[in-house]
Amino acid sequence: MMLLKQISPAFQLRRRLSTLSSDGFTLNLPKLEPSSDAELISQMLITNHNPFHFMESSLQLNGISLSPDLIHQTLLRLRHNSKIALSFFQYLRSLPSPSTPTPTSFNLIIDILGRVRQFDVVRQLILEMDQTSPETFLTLTKRLIAAGLTRQALRAFDDAPCFLENRRFGVVEFGFLLDTLCKYGYTKMAVGVFNERKEEFGCDEKIYTILIAGWCKLRRIDMAEKFLAEMIESGIEPNVVTYNVLLNGICRTASLHPEERFERNVRNAEKVFDEMRQRGIEPDVTSFSIVLHMYSRAHKSELTLDKLKLMKAKGISPTIETYTSVVKCLCSCG
């Protein structure tokens, strides 16, 4: 039973669907990785930090060779100490190449400062930096949205071409903006931005899938279905990811009691399966796993086993989370 508690099928499904629905532009910020040198440097900076002379602790790094990867890993370890991270970054700017900040380290400090709402400092850094990239402004946009400053986020998104040699954003970056708004609960604003700017940036199945996911996040399945219909009417074909996002919205918000309401949710889920097949789209392992998880939550062992058999009959191999849902259901039903 400990294994079943550790593995959450619902979490795995949500993470997979979130990744697929926003499959487009992603921020390529480095991830935290093991590094004894970065640990040593970050601890040295934290231990010797002087709040009255921010650069003092960084000066102890004189003579240490700092590779780009080491700089990134050190900044990541200082992400909860924004003042120290900023002083370290400013110290790097005073060094000759190759220890000078890279565009990636610049984006990292933007992200770190944005998390603590130091947006005035961020804007000043952007003005001072010679190298900016689309990631710079999308990182700033994301942090502004996360802070609830959605209007400022739209302004930062619009101002980006002025700093990027007039390179304009396209449908991929537009999708990132809408996806970020939806993920932080601003779906209605995302729809407004979409309606105002879709002619300017273009539109594809990923954009509609993002908005459908946003409505599902707000439990507005009616609006999600409306956008699916609009998508089809506009000549854009939904794919299996689009339907899985809608299916997940229906099943995740399903009321398990009373029985009549649960039966209605089952019919709605089956209706999505039928529509997929009518449009020539075969449900995949994620589609089946979503429905199986709903059956598992409702302790419907017969429905769960029937769906699992159908899944195998179609040649679809169940995943670990699929089996976990089935086992949890059978255990709960005795």
Protein backbone atom coordinates (compact mmCIF):
# COMPACT_ATOMS: atom_id res chain seq x y z
CA MET A 1 0.00 0.00 0.00
CA MET A 2 2.93 2.34 0.56
CA LEU A 3 3.80 2.05 -3.13
CA LEU A 4 0.27 3.06 -4.12
CA LYS A 5 0.45 6.11 -1.87
CA GLN A 6 3.74 7.19 -3.34
CA ILE A 7 2.55 7.01 -6.96
CA SER A 8 -0.26 9.38 -7.82
CA PRO A 9 -1.88 8.52 -11.17
CA ALA A 10 -3.81 11.79 -11.16
CA PHE A 11 -0.62 13.80 -10.69
CA GLN A 12 1.18 11.89 -13.45
CA LEU A 13 -1.72 12.44 -15.86
CA ARG A 14 -2.02 16.15 -15.07
CA ARG A 15 1.72 16.65 -15.54
CA ARG A 16 1.71 14.81 -18.87
CA LEU A 17 -1.35 16.69 -20.16
CA SER A 18 0.07 20.02 -19.01
CA THR A 19 3.26 19.34 -20.94
CA LEU A 20 1.45 18.20 -24.08
CA SER A 21 -1.15 20.99 -24.15
CA SER A 22 1.59 23.63 -24.01
CA ASP A 23 3.94 21.81 -26.37
CA GLY A 24 5.54 24.78 -28.11
CA PHE A 25 7.89 27.42 -26.75
CA THR A 26 9.50 26.46 -23.45
CA LEU A 27 11.92 28.40 -21.29
CA ASN A 28 15.26 26.62 -21.54
CA LEU A 29 16.42 27.56 -18.08
CA PRO A 30 18.96 25.17 -16.53
CA LYS A 31 17.83 22.66 -13.91
CA LEU A 32 19.48 22.07 -10.56
CA GLU A 33 22.14 19.38 -10.87
CA PRO A 34 24.74 17.95 -8.47
CA SER A 35 27.81 20.17 -8.30
CA SER A 36 30.20 20.23 -5.34
CA ASP A 37 31.90 23.36 -6.69
CA ALA A 38 28.60 25.22 -6.98
CA GLU A 39 27.66 24.12 -3.45
CA LEU A 40 30.99 25.39 -2.12
CA ILE A 41 30.76 28.76 -3.91
CA SER A 42 27.13 29.38 -2.95
CA GLN A 43 27.81 28.57 0.70
CA MET A 44 30.85 30.84 0.65
CA LEU A 45 28.73 33.69 -0.71
CA ILE A 46 25.94 33.13 1.79
CA THR A 47 28.27 32.79 4.79
CA ASN A 48 30.26 35.92 3.97
CA HIS A 49 27.36 38.08 2.82
CA ASN A 50 27.55 41.68 4.00
CA PRO A 51 24.16 43.43 3.65
CA PHE A 52 25.87 46.84 3.57
CA HIS A 53 28.40 45.90 0.88
CA PHE A 54 26.74 43.49 -1.52
CA MET A 55 29.84 42.92 -3.63
CA GLU A 56 32.13 42.11 -0.71
CA SER A 57 31.37 38.37 -0.48
CA SER A 58 31.71 37.94 -4.26
CA LEU A 59 35.19 39.47 -4.20
CA GLN A 60 36.38 36.36 -2.35
CA LEU A 61 35.92 34.50 -5.63
CA ASN A 62 38.91 36.31 -7.16
CA GLY A 63 41.10 33.80 -8.95
CA ILE A 64 38.40 31.12 -9.22
CA SER A 65 37.66 30.02 -12.77
CA LEU A 66 33.91 30.20 -13.36
CA SER A 67 32.57 28.24 -16.31
CA PRO A 68 29.08 29.00 -17.66
CA ASP A 69 27.71 25.76 -16.19
CA LEU A 70 29.24 26.54 -12.78
CA ILE A 71 27.71 30.04 -12.90
CA HIS A 72 24.28 28.61 -13.69
CA GLN A 73 24.43 26.01 -10.93
CA THR A 74 25.60 28.61 -8.42
CA LEU A 75 22.76 30.97 -9.34
CA LEU A 76 20.26 28.14 -8.97
CA ARG A 77 21.54 27.50 -5.45
CA LEU A 78 21.13 31.18 -4.64
CA ARG A 79 17.56 31.38 -6.00
CA HIS A 80 16.16 31.80 -2.47
CA ASN A 81 18.71 34.52 -1.68
CA SER A 82 17.97 37.05 -4.39
CA LYS A 83 20.19 39.83 -3.01
CA ILE A 84 23.21 37.53 -2.90
CA ALA A 85 22.37 36.16 -6.34
CA LEU A 86 22.22 39.71 -7.72
CA SER A 87 25.54 40.71 -6.14
CA PHE A 88 27.14 37.56 -7.59
CA PHE A 89 25.70 38.40 -11.01
CA GLN A 90 26.97 41.99 -10.83
CA TYR A 91 30.39 40.67 -9.84
CA LEU A 92 30.36 38.43 -12.93
CA ARG A 93 29.65 41.46 -15.12
CA SER A 94 32.90 43.04 -13.93
CA LEU A 95 34.97 40.03 -15.02
CA PRO A 96 36.64 39.47 -18.40
CA SER A 97 35.44 36.64 -20.65
CA PRO A 98 34.85 33.66 -20.26
CA SER A 99 33.56 34.32 -16.72
CA THR A 100 31.18 37.05 -17.85
CA PRO A 101 27.43 36.31 -17.69
CA THR A 102 25.91 34.38 -20.57
CA PRO A 103 22.41 35.03 -21.96
CA THR A 104 21.28 31.98 -19.96
CA SER A 105 22.68 33.31 -16.67
CA PHE A 106 21.01 36.63 -17.47
CA ASN A 107 17.66 34.87 -17.89
CA LEU A 108 18.26 33.01 -14.64
CA ILE A 109 18.77 36.21 -12.65
CA ILE A 110 15.64 37.66 -14.30
CA ASP A 111 13.71 34.62 -13.08
CA ILE A 112 15.19 34.79 -9.57
CA LEU A 113 14.45 38.50 -9.15
CA GLY A 114 11.00 38.11 -10.70
CA ARG A 115 10.06 35.51 -8.10
CA VAL A 116 10.51 38.14 -5.38
CA ARG A 117 8.90 40.89 -7.48
CA GLN A 118 12.04 42.95 -7.97
CA PHE A 119 10.76 44.13 -11.34
CA ASP A 120 12.35 47.57 -11.20
CA VAL A 121 15.76 45.91 -10.87
CA VAL A 122 14.85 43.52 -13.70
CA ARG A 123 13.93 46.36 -16.05
CA GLN A 124 17.16 48.19 -15.26
CA LEU A 125 19.18 45.06 -16.00
CA ILE A 126 17.42 44.61 -19.33
CA LEU A 127 18.27 48.21 -20.27
CA GLU A 128 21.92 47.67 -19.32
CA MET A 129 22.43 44.29 -21.00
CA ASP A 130 23.79 44.09 -24.53
CA GLN A 131 22.40 40.62 -25.20
CA THR A 132 18.70 39.90 -24.81
CA SER A 133 16.73 37.01 -26.25
CA PRO A 134 13.09 36.02 -26.62
CA GLU A 135 13.56 33.88 -23.48
CA THR A 136 14.46 37.03 -21.53
CA PHE A 137 11.11 38.69 -22.18
CA LEU A 138 9.09 35.51 -21.88
CA THR A 139 10.73 34.83 -18.51
CA LEU A 140 9.80 38.35 -17.42
CA THR A 141 6.27 37.88 -18.80
CA LYS A 142 5.84 34.65 -16.86
CA ARG A 143 7.06 36.17 -13.59
CA LEU A 144 4.76 39.20 -14.00
CA ILE A 145 1.77 36.94 -14.57
CA ALA A 146 2.72 34.80 -11.57
CA ALA A 147 2.78 38.00 -9.49
CA GLY A 148 -0.70 38.93 -10.71
CA LEU A 149 0.60 41.84 -12.81
CA THR A 150 -1.09 40.73 -16.00
CA ARG A 151 -1.31 44.14 -17.69
CA GLN A 152 2.40 44.75 -17.14
CA ALA A 153 3.04 41.25 -18.51
CA LEU A 154 1.23 42.08 -21.74
CA ARG A 155 3.22 45.31 -22.00
CA ALA A 156 6.51 43.44 -21.53
CA PHE A 157 5.44 40.94 -24.21
CA ASP A 158 4.62 43.80 -26.60
CA ASP A 159 7.85 45.70 -25.85
CA ALA A 160 10.10 42.73 -26.64
CA PRO A 161 10.60 43.48 -30.38
CA CYS A 162 12.16 46.86 -29.49
CA PHE A 163 14.99 45.00 -27.74
CA LEU A 164 15.26 42.12 -30.21
CA GLU A 165 16.25 44.10 -33.32
CA ASN A 166 12.56 44.33 -34.24
CA ARG A 167 12.15 40.56 -34.38
CA ARG A 168 8.44 40.02 -33.84
CA PHE A 169 6.95 37.22 -31.84
CA GLY A 170 4.93 34.57 -33.69
CA VAL A 171 2.34 31.94 -32.91
CA VAL A 172 4.72 29.89 -30.72
CA GLU A 173 5.48 32.78 -28.35
CA PHE A 174 1.81 33.78 -28.47
CA GLY A 175 0.95 30.27 -27.30
CA PHE A 176 3.41 30.62 -24.42
CA LEU A 177 1.70 33.85 -23.32
CA LEU A 178 -1.77 32.30 -23.43
CA ASP A 179 -0.61 29.09 -21.73
CA THR A 180 1.01 31.04 -18.87
CA LEU A 181 -2.14 33.13 -18.37
CA CYS A 182 -4.27 29.97 -18.26
CA LYS A 183 -1.96 28.09 -15.89
CA TYR A 184 -2.11 30.93 -13.38
CA GLY A 185 -5.91 31.10 -13.57
CA TYR A 186 -6.34 34.02 -15.99
CA THR A 187 -8.21 32.07 -18.65
CA LYS A 188 -10.78 34.80 -19.27
CA MET A 189 -8.00 37.29 -19.94
CA ALA A 190 -6.25 34.75 -22.16
CA VAL A 191 -9.43 34.39 -24.23
CA GLY A 192 -9.69 38.17 -24.53
CA VAL A 193 -6.08 38.43 -25.69
CA PHE A 194 -6.67 35.55 -28.11
CA ASN A 195 -9.73 37.21 -29.65
CA GLU A 196 -7.94 40.55 -30.00
CA ARG A 197 -4.67 39.22 -31.44
CA LYS A 198 -5.31 35.94 -33.25
CA GLU A 199 -5.25 37.72 -36.61
CA GLU A 200 -1.88 39.25 -35.74
CA PHE A 201 -0.12 36.15 -34.40
CA GLY A 202 -2.01 33.34 -36.10
CA CYS A 203 -3.69 30.33 -34.59
CA ASP A 204 -3.26 26.56 -34.64
CA GLU A 205 -4.45 23.46 -32.79
CA LYS A 206 -1.99 24.08 -29.94
CA ILE A 207 -3.48 27.51 -29.24
CA TYR A 208 -7.00 26.11 -29.03
CA THR A 209 -5.82 23.19 -26.90
CA ILE A 210 -4.23 25.64 -24.46
CA LEU A 211 -7.49 27.58 -24.13
CA ILE A 212 -9.55 24.40 -23.76
CA ALA A 213 -7.18 23.33 -20.97
CA GLY A 214 -7.59 26.75 -19.36
CA TRP A 215 -11.39 26.43 -19.26
CA CYS A 216 -11.09 22.89 -17.89
CA LYS A 217 -8.83 24.22 -15.14
CA LEU A 218 -11.67 26.57 -14.15
CA ARG A 219 -14.13 23.64 -14.32
CA ARG A 220 -15.98 25.33 -17.17
CA ILE A 221 -16.47 22.27 -19.35
CA ASP A 222 -19.26 24.05 -21.23
CA MET A 223 -16.79 26.73 -22.39
CA ALA A 224 -14.16 24.10 -23.21
CA GLU A 225 -16.68 22.30 -25.45
CA LYS A 226 -17.64 25.63 -27.02
CA PHE A 227 -14.01 26.33 -27.94
CA LEU A 228 -13.63 22.82 -29.36
CA ALA A 229 -16.65 23.48 -31.60
CA GLU A 230 -15.21 26.88 -32.61
CA MET A 231 -11.90 25.21 -33.39
CA ILE A 232 -13.55 22.72 -35.74
CA GLU A 233 -15.73 25.42 -37.35
CA SER A 234 -12.63 27.51 -38.10
CA GLY A 235 -11.13 24.60 -40.03
CA ILE A 236 -8.51 23.60 -37.45
CA GLU A 237 -8.54 19.87 -36.75
CA PRO A 238 -8.24 18.82 -33.09
CA ASN A 239 -5.77 16.06 -32.29
CA VAL A 240 -5.62 13.38 -29.62
CA VAL A 241 -4.04 15.83 -27.15
CA THR A 242 -6.94 18.25 -27.57
CA TYR A 243 -9.48 15.53 -26.82
CA ASN A 244 -7.44 14.17 -23.90
CA VAL A 245 -7.37 17.63 -22.33
CA LEU A 246 -11.17 17.87 -22.63
CA LEU A 247 -11.60 14.30 -21.41
CA ASN A 248 -9.43 15.00 -18.40
CA GLY A 249 -11.48 18.11 -17.62
CA ILE A 250 -14.70 16.10 -17.70
CA CYS A 251 -13.36 13.22 -15.60
CA ARG A 252 -11.39 15.32 -13.12
CA THR A 253 -14.44 17.44 -12.24
CA ALA A 254 -16.79 14.44 -12.26
CA SER A 255 -19.17 14.15 -9.32
CA LEU A 256 -19.08 10.58 -8.04
CA HIS A 257 -22.33 10.89 -6.09
CA PRO A 258 -25.24 10.65 -6.51
CA GLU A 259 -25.19 7.74 -8.93
CA GLU A 260 -27.26 9.57 -11.55
CA ARG A 261 -24.73 12.37 -11.77
CA PHE A 262 -21.85 9.93 -12.06
CA GLU A 263 -23.64 8.10 -14.87
CA ARG A 264 -24.02 11.42 -16.70
CA ASN A 265 -20.27 12.02 -16.40
CA VAL A 266 -19.60 8.54 -17.78
CA ARG A 267 -21.84 9.29 -20.77
CA ASN A 268 -20.06 12.60 -21.36
CA ALA A 269 -16.67 10.84 -21.31
CA GLU A 270 -17.90 8.14 -23.69
CA LYS A 271 -19.28 10.86 -25.97
CA VAL A 272 -15.74 12.27 -26.26
CA PHE A 273 -14.44 8.79 -27.15
CA ASP A 274 -17.15 8.47 -29.83
CA GLU A 275 -16.38 11.89 -31.30
CA MET A 276 -12.68 11.05 -31.46
CA ARG A 277 -13.38 7.89 -33.45
CA GLN A 278 -15.80 9.75 -35.74
CA ARG A 279 -13.02 12.17 -36.62
CA GLY A 280 -10.58 9.32 -37.24
CA ILE A 281 -8.64 9.83 -33.99
CA GLU A 282 -7.99 6.69 -31.95
CA PRO A 283 -7.89 7.12 -28.15
CA ASP A 284 -4.41 6.48 -26.78
CA VAL A 285 -3.04 5.24 -23.46
CA THR A 286 -3.61 8.67 -21.87
CA SER A 287 -7.27 8.67 -22.97
CA PHE A 288 -7.93 5.31 -21.35
CA SER A 289 -5.92 6.16 -18.23
CA ILE A 290 -8.01 9.29 -17.62
CA VAL A 291 -11.28 7.34 -17.70
CA LEU A 292 -9.83 4.47 -15.68
CA HIS A 293 -8.81 6.90 -12.98
CA MET A 294 -12.37 8.26 -12.79
CA TYR A 295 -13.75 4.73 -12.45
CA SER A 296 -11.16 4.00 -9.79
CA ARG A 297 -12.17 7.07 -7.77
CA ALA A 298 -15.80 5.92 -7.94
CA HIS A 299 -14.82 2.35 -6.88
CA LYS A 300 -16.35 0.88 -10.05
CA SER A 301 -14.34 -2.31 -10.35
CA GLU A 302 -16.38 -3.82 -13.21
CA LEU A 303 -16.16 -0.67 -15.34
CA THR A 304 -12.45 -0.41 -14.55
CA LEU A 305 -11.69 -4.00 -15.61
CA ASP A 306 -13.87 -3.71 -18.74
CA LYS A 307 -11.99 -0.58 -19.84
CA LEU A 308 -8.65 -2.23 -19.14
CA LYS A 309 -9.65 -5.25 -21.29
CA LEU A 310 -10.78 -2.96 -24.11
CA MET A 311 -7.50 -1.08 -23.87
CA LYS A 312 -5.48 -4.28 -24.22
CA ALA A 313 -7.73 -5.54 -27.03
CA LYS A 314 -6.81 -2.44 -29.02
CA GLY A 315 -3.13 -3.16 -28.55
CA ILE A 316 -2.53 -0.27 -26.14
CA SER A 317 -0.03 -1.09 -23.40
CA PRO A 318 -1.10 0.21 -19.95
CA THR A 319 1.37 2.40 -18.07
CA ILE A 320 2.36 2.23 -14.41
CA GLU A 321 -0.23 4.85 -13.44
CA THR A 322 -2.90 2.91 -15.38
CA TYR A 323 -2.20 -0.24 -13.39
CA THR A 324 -1.99 1.78 -10.19
CA SER A 325 -5.51 3.12 -10.74
CA VAL A 326 -6.80 -0.40 -11.39
CA VAL A 327 -5.08 -1.91 -8.34
CA LYS A 328 -6.27 0.90 -6.05
CA CYS A 329 -9.82 0.39 -7.29
CA LEU A 330 -9.71 -3.38 -6.72
CA CYS A 331 -8.19 -2.92 -3.24
CA SER A 332 -10.85 -0.40 -2.25
CA CYS A 333 -13.60 -2.73 -3.46
CA GLY A 334 -12.25 -5.66 -1.47
